[in-house]
């Protein structure tokens, strides 16, 4: 009917997301050392909270290029096992390549939608992890329910998500600039996105709703450090497919102007030691 608000289309969204990751796969892999330095401490905390150790069987959902997969694989050792899953075959190829290069024979990769883990047996894993992935699922409850199904009794889910837009200006400032320049409407209610589980209590509530117990939440600072704001823009342009998708409807000169504005705005986070983009993460664990 005329005048109705546009509806979020999860099928189209997943298709677009898959395409974004396919196009950004090589860059995401290449920026691996930056990701490890930035997200490494939170990753270790996530694995600690999930009690991942020697012999653990771990499912990594929305694994991407798999930097955290390798950290988990080293923890579980030869007697353990890590299955890295993602909707993008291209980005998983880099995860598999990284595992081979590291001599990790306890890693397997498989193209799977985190909302549909039907190929996996129930009660099969000691831990399910997801680093900055759950926020992008159209149906987060379905994903959490599936993760719970494949966990052994007493097994743990552990996820990392961004907190609020206000506390993650390294990302929220570029998003707001791109949204304004591309004349995009605000996100629709319930729409997935970087801050969809960031408000206080949101991740905890989602866990409880999916049936998890003994939920624990930790909020940690995770500033993104790079030599300059210009280097951050290079990282974002190469790796953050969502920003490119948002800019798809504007001309090439307008895109360049947007990136220039982003760099200028983010220079406020430059100091003598380089660029330090504000980022705050929420690490949450729950038990089956």
Protein backbone atom coordinates (compact mmCIF):
# COMPACT_ATOMS: atom_id res chain seq x y z
CA UNK A 1 0.00 0.00 0.00
CA UNK A 2 1.13 3.54 -0.70
CA UNK A 3 2.74 5.25 2.24
CA UNK A 4 3.82 2.05 3.98
CA UNK A 5 7.30 2.06 5.47
CA UNK A 6 9.84 -0.13 3.65
CA UNK A 7 10.26 -3.58 5.11
CA UNK A 8 13.54 -5.25 5.92
CA UNK A 9 14.21 -8.14 3.52
CA UNK A 10 16.40 -10.76 5.28
CA UNK A 11 16.94 -12.82 2.10
CA UNK A 12 18.21 -9.83 0.13
CA UNK A 13 20.24 -8.74 3.12
CA UNK A 14 22.03 -12.11 3.34
CA UNK A 15 22.75 -12.08 -0.40
CA UNK A 16 24.25 -8.61 -0.11
CA UNK A 17 26.25 -9.57 2.97
CA UNK A 18 27.68 -12.62 1.23
CA UNK A 19 28.72 -10.48 -1.73
CA UNK A 20 30.34 -7.94 0.59
CA UNK A 21 32.44 -10.59 2.29
CA UNK A 22 33.40 -12.21 -0.99
CA UNK A 23 34.68 -8.87 -2.30
CA UNK A 24 36.45 -7.96 0.96
CA UNK A 25 37.89 -11.41 1.70
CA UNK A 26 41.41 -10.77 0.43
CA UNK A 27 41.66 -7.42 2.22
CA UNK A 28 40.29 -8.85 5.48
CA UNK A 29 42.96 -11.55 5.30
CA UNK A 30 45.71 -9.07 4.45
CA UNK A 31 44.80 -6.83 7.39
CA UNK A 32 44.98 -9.83 9.73
CA UNK A 33 47.82 -8.45 11.87
CA UNK A 34 45.85 -5.25 12.46
CA UNK A 35 42.77 -7.25 13.42
CA UNK A 36 44.83 -9.43 15.77
CA UNK A 37 46.33 -6.40 17.54
CA UNK A 38 42.95 -4.67 17.77
CA UNK A 39 40.67 -7.58 18.72
CA UNK A 40 43.25 -9.94 20.21
CA UNK A 41 42.76 -9.12 23.91
CA UNK A 42 38.96 -9.38 23.62
CA UNK A 43 39.37 -12.66 21.73
CA UNK A 44 41.47 -14.13 24.53
CA UNK A 45 38.86 -12.98 27.05
CA UNK A 46 36.09 -14.58 25.00
CA UNK A 47 37.96 -17.89 24.90
CA UNK A 48 38.74 -17.67 28.61
CA UNK A 49 35.08 -17.08 29.45
CA UNK A 50 34.08 -19.99 27.21
CA UNK A 51 36.64 -22.19 28.99
CA UNK A 52 38.25 -23.21 25.71
CA UNK A 53 41.26 -25.37 26.48
CA UNK A 54 43.10 -28.56 25.49
CA UNK A 55 40.77 -31.08 23.89
CA UNK A 56 37.83 -28.68 23.45
CA UNK A 57 35.56 -28.99 20.42
CA UNK A 58 34.79 -25.46 19.21
CA UNK A 59 32.38 -24.09 16.61
CA UNK A 60 33.34 -20.65 15.25
CA UNK A 61 30.26 -19.00 13.68
CA UNK A 62 30.76 -16.16 11.16
CA UNK A 63 34.47 -16.92 11.35
CA UNK A 64 35.53 -14.68 8.48
CA UNK A 65 39.22 -15.01 7.62
CA UNK A 66 39.63 -17.00 10.83
CA UNK A 67 42.20 -15.11 12.88
CA UNK A 68 40.29 -16.01 16.07
CA UNK A 69 39.86 -19.56 14.72
CA UNK A 70 43.65 -19.98 14.80
CA UNK A 71 43.85 -18.65 18.35
CA UNK A 72 41.22 -21.19 19.42
CA UNK A 73 42.93 -24.00 17.50
CA UNK A 74 46.23 -23.39 19.29
CA UNK A 75 44.40 -23.48 22.61
CA UNK A 76 42.61 -26.77 22.00
CA UNK A 77 45.71 -28.51 20.68
CA UNK A 78 46.00 -31.73 18.72
CA UNK A 79 43.32 -33.44 20.80
CA UNK A 80 40.82 -30.65 20.12
CA UNK A 81 38.92 -29.51 17.05
CA UNK A 82 37.71 -26.20 15.62
CA UNK A 83 35.09 -25.89 12.89
CA UNK A 84 35.07 -22.45 11.25
CA UNK A 85 31.83 -21.55 9.45
CA UNK A 86 30.73 -18.56 7.40
CA UNK A 87 28.29 -17.76 4.58
CA UNK A 88 31.22 -16.68 2.37
CA UNK A 89 33.20 -19.47 0.74
CA UNK A 90 35.83 -16.99 -0.42
CA UNK A 91 36.72 -15.72 3.02
CA UNK A 92 36.79 -19.26 4.45
CA UNK A 93 39.37 -20.16 1.80
CA UNK A 94 41.72 -17.72 3.52
CA UNK A 95 40.96 -19.27 6.91
CA UNK A 96 41.79 -22.73 5.55
CA UNK A 97 44.96 -21.40 3.95
CA UNK A 98 45.99 -19.77 7.23
CA UNK A 99 45.44 -23.03 9.11
CA UNK A 100 47.58 -24.96 6.63
CA UNK A 101 50.34 -22.36 6.79
CA UNK A 102 50.32 -22.57 10.59
CA UNK A 103 50.44 -26.37 10.50
CA UNK A 104 47.11 -26.64 12.32
CA UNK A 105 45.52 -29.96 11.36
CA UNK A 106 42.71 -29.57 13.91
CA UNK A 107 40.84 -26.91 11.89
CA UNK A 108 38.04 -27.56 9.40
CA UNK A 109 36.10 -24.95 7.40
CA UNK A 110 32.54 -25.25 6.12
CA UNK A 111 30.16 -22.86 4.38
CA UNK A 112 27.16 -22.61 6.71
CA UNK A 113 24.56 -20.00 7.57
CA UNK A 114 24.71 -19.42 11.33
CA UNK A 115 20.91 -19.38 11.46
CA UNK A 116 20.72 -22.84 9.87
CA UNK A 117 23.19 -25.29 11.36
CA UNK A 118 21.12 -28.35 10.40
CA UNK A 119 24.20 -30.14 9.04
CA UNK A 120 25.66 -30.22 12.54
CA UNK A 121 24.63 -32.73 15.17
CA UNK A 122 23.06 -31.66 18.44
CA UNK A 123 25.19 -31.73 21.60
CA UNK A 124 28.41 -31.80 19.54
CA UNK A 125 30.52 -28.86 20.77
CA UNK A 126 31.99 -27.74 24.06
CA UNK A 127 31.92 -24.09 22.96
CA UNK A 128 30.43 -21.91 20.25
CA UNK A 129 32.16 -18.60 19.58
CA UNK A 130 31.32 -15.65 17.35
CA UNK A 131 33.55 -12.58 17.09
CA UNK A 132 31.68 -9.52 15.83
CA UNK A 133 29.37 -11.76 13.81
CA UNK A 134 26.14 -12.26 15.73
CA UNK A 135 25.24 -8.56 15.29
CA UNK A 136 24.86 -9.07 11.54
CA UNK A 137 22.40 -11.98 11.66
CA UNK A 138 18.89 -10.98 10.49
CA UNK A 139 17.36 -13.39 13.03
CA UNK A 140 19.67 -13.32 16.01
CA UNK A 141 17.34 -15.46 18.11
CA UNK A 142 17.26 -18.19 15.50
CA UNK A 143 21.06 -18.14 15.36
CA UNK A 144 21.36 -18.33 19.15
CA UNK A 145 18.84 -21.17 19.32
CA UNK A 146 20.82 -23.10 16.72
CA UNK A 147 24.06 -22.47 18.58
CA UNK A 148 22.47 -23.75 21.77
CA UNK A 149 21.24 -26.89 20.00
CA UNK A 150 24.73 -27.91 18.87
CA UNK A 151 26.28 -27.31 22.30
CA UNK A 152 26.82 -30.18 24.69
CA UNK A 153 24.93 -29.90 27.99
CA UNK A 154 26.93 -27.45 30.06
CA UNK A 155 28.67 -26.13 26.94
CA UNK A 156 29.20 -22.40 26.54
CA UNK A 157 28.39 -19.76 23.96
CA UNK A 158 30.69 -16.74 23.85
CA UNK A 159 30.33 -13.74 21.56
CA UNK A 160 31.94 -10.36 21.03
CA UNK A 161 29.76 -7.45 19.90
CA UNK A 162 30.23 -3.69 19.70
CA UNK A 163 28.65 -1.64 22.47
CA UNK A 164 26.90 1.64 21.62
CA UNK A 165 27.47 3.94 18.66
CA UNK A 166 28.54 6.67 21.10
CA UNK A 167 31.37 4.48 22.41
CA UNK A 168 32.46 3.24 18.98
CA UNK A 169 33.10 6.43 17.07
CA UNK A 170 35.75 4.75 14.93
CA UNK A 171 32.80 3.16 13.12
CA UNK A 172 29.73 5.24 13.97
CA UNK A 173 31.21 8.48 12.57
CA UNK A 174 31.92 6.93 9.12
CA UNK A 175 28.48 5.31 9.10
CA UNK A 176 26.71 8.59 9.91
CA UNK A 177 28.66 10.48 7.22
CA UNK A 178 27.95 7.83 4.60
CA UNK A 179 24.28 7.60 5.59
CA UNK A 180 23.86 11.38 5.29
CA UNK A 181 25.70 11.69 1.98
CA UNK A 182 23.87 8.71 0.45
CA UNK A 183 20.55 10.06 1.82
CA UNK A 184 19.78 6.73 3.45
CA UNK A 185 16.96 6.39 5.98
CA UNK A 186 17.65 5.31 9.56
CA UNK A 187 17.93 1.54 10.15
CA UNK A 188 14.56 -0.20 10.33
CA UNK A 189 13.41 -1.56 13.71
CA UNK A 190 15.02 -4.93 14.38
CA UNK A 191 17.45 -4.55 11.51
CA UNK A 192 20.87 -6.16 12.09
CA UNK A 193 23.92 -3.95 12.25
CA UNK A 194 27.07 -3.10 14.20
CA UNK A 195 25.27 -1.72 17.26
CA UNK A 196 22.22 -4.00 17.26
CA UNK A 197 23.30 -5.74 20.50
CA UNK A 198 25.23 -2.84 21.99
CA UNK A 199 22.81 -1.22 24.39
CA UNK A 200 23.16 -2.17 28.07
CA UNK A 201 21.52 -5.52 28.74
CA UNK A 202 20.82 -6.33 25.07
CA UNK A 203 23.21 -9.26 24.68
CA UNK A 204 22.33 -10.63 28.12
CA UNK A 205 18.61 -10.46 27.26
CA UNK A 206 19.17 -12.19 23.92
CA UNK A 207 21.02 -15.03 25.63
CA UNK A 208 18.32 -15.51 28.25
CA UNK A 209 15.59 -15.49 25.61
CA UNK A 210 17.41 -18.27 23.73
CA UNK A 211 17.54 -20.40 26.87
CA UNK A 212 21.10 -19.81 28.08
CA UNK A 213 21.84 -19.62 31.80
CA UNK A 214 24.68 -18.34 33.98
CA UNK A 215 25.12 -15.37 31.63
CA UNK A 216 28.14 -13.17 32.28
CA UNK A 217 28.91 -9.90 30.51
CA UNK A 218 32.18 -7.98 30.35
CA UNK A 219 32.60 -4.56 28.71
CA UNK A 220 36.14 -3.84 27.50
CA UNK A 221 37.89 -0.95 25.80
CA UNK A 222 39.43 -1.95 22.48
CA UNK A 223 40.83 1.18 20.78
CA UNK A 224 41.78 0.71 17.15
CA UNK A 225 45.35 1.96 16.82
CA UNK A 226 46.88 2.82 13.44
CA UNK A 227 49.58 5.25 12.30
CA UNK A 228 47.07 7.88 11.12
CA UNK A 229 43.44 8.61 10.29
CA UNK A 230 44.42 8.25 6.64
CA UNK A 231 45.60 4.70 7.33
CA UNK A 232 42.32 3.96 9.07
CA UNK A 233 40.43 5.16 5.98
CA UNK A 234 42.55 2.83 3.84
CA UNK A 235 41.70 -0.05 6.19
CA UNK A 236 37.99 0.82 6.13
CA UNK A 237 37.86 1.28 2.34
CA UNK A 238 39.48 -2.08 1.74
CA UNK A 239 37.78 -4.10 4.46
CA UNK A 240 34.38 -2.66 5.40
CA UNK A 241 32.10 -3.82 2.61
CA UNK A 242 29.02 -2.41 4.31
CA UNK A 243 30.26 1.16 3.80
CA UNK A 244 30.77 0.50 0.09
CA UNK A 245 27.28 -0.96 -0.14
CA UNK A 246 25.84 2.14 1.50
CA UNK A 247 27.69 4.33 -1.01
CA UNK A 248 26.62 2.28 -4.02
CA UNK A 249 23.97 4.80 -5.08
CA UNK A 250 26.21 7.88 -5.20
CA UNK A 251 28.63 9.03 -7.90
CA UNK A 252 32.34 8.30 -7.75
CA UNK A 253 33.26 11.95 -7.00
CA UNK A 254 30.71 12.00 -4.17
CA UNK A 255 32.18 8.78 -2.77
CA UNK A 256 35.63 10.34 -2.71
CA UNK A 257 34.22 13.38 -0.94
CA UNK A 258 32.64 11.09 1.65
CA UNK A 259 35.93 9.32 2.36
CA UNK A 260 37.70 12.68 2.60
CA UNK A 261 35.12 13.91 5.11
CA UNK A 262 35.52 10.70 7.13
CA UNK A 263 39.28 11.18 7.28
CA UNK A 264 38.95 14.83 8.29
CA UNK A 265 36.40 14.02 11.00
CA UNK A 266 38.50 11.18 12.42
CA UNK A 267 41.64 13.29 12.62
CA UNK A 268 40.31 14.37 16.02
CA UNK A 269 41.56 10.99 17.26
CA UNK A 270 45.12 11.57 16.06
CA UNK A 271 47.89 12.42 18.49
CA UNK A 272 51.67 12.24 18.53
CA UNK A 273 51.43 8.48 18.92
CA UNK A 274 49.19 8.04 15.88
CA UNK A 275 45.48 7.34 15.43
CA UNK A 276 43.47 5.80 18.27
CA UNK A 277 39.85 5.19 17.26
CA UNK A 278 37.43 4.79 20.18
CA UNK A 279 36.02 1.27 20.33
CA UNK A 280 34.23 -0.55 23.13
CA UNK A 281 33.30 -4.22 23.00
CA UNK A 282 30.89 -6.38 24.94
CA UNK A 283 32.02 -9.94 25.61
CA UNK A 284 29.23 -12.23 26.76
CA UNK A 285 29.09 -15.90 27.76
CA UNK A 286 26.22 -18.22 28.61
CA UNK A 287 25.82 -21.92 29.40
CA UNK A 288 23.48 -24.53 27.97
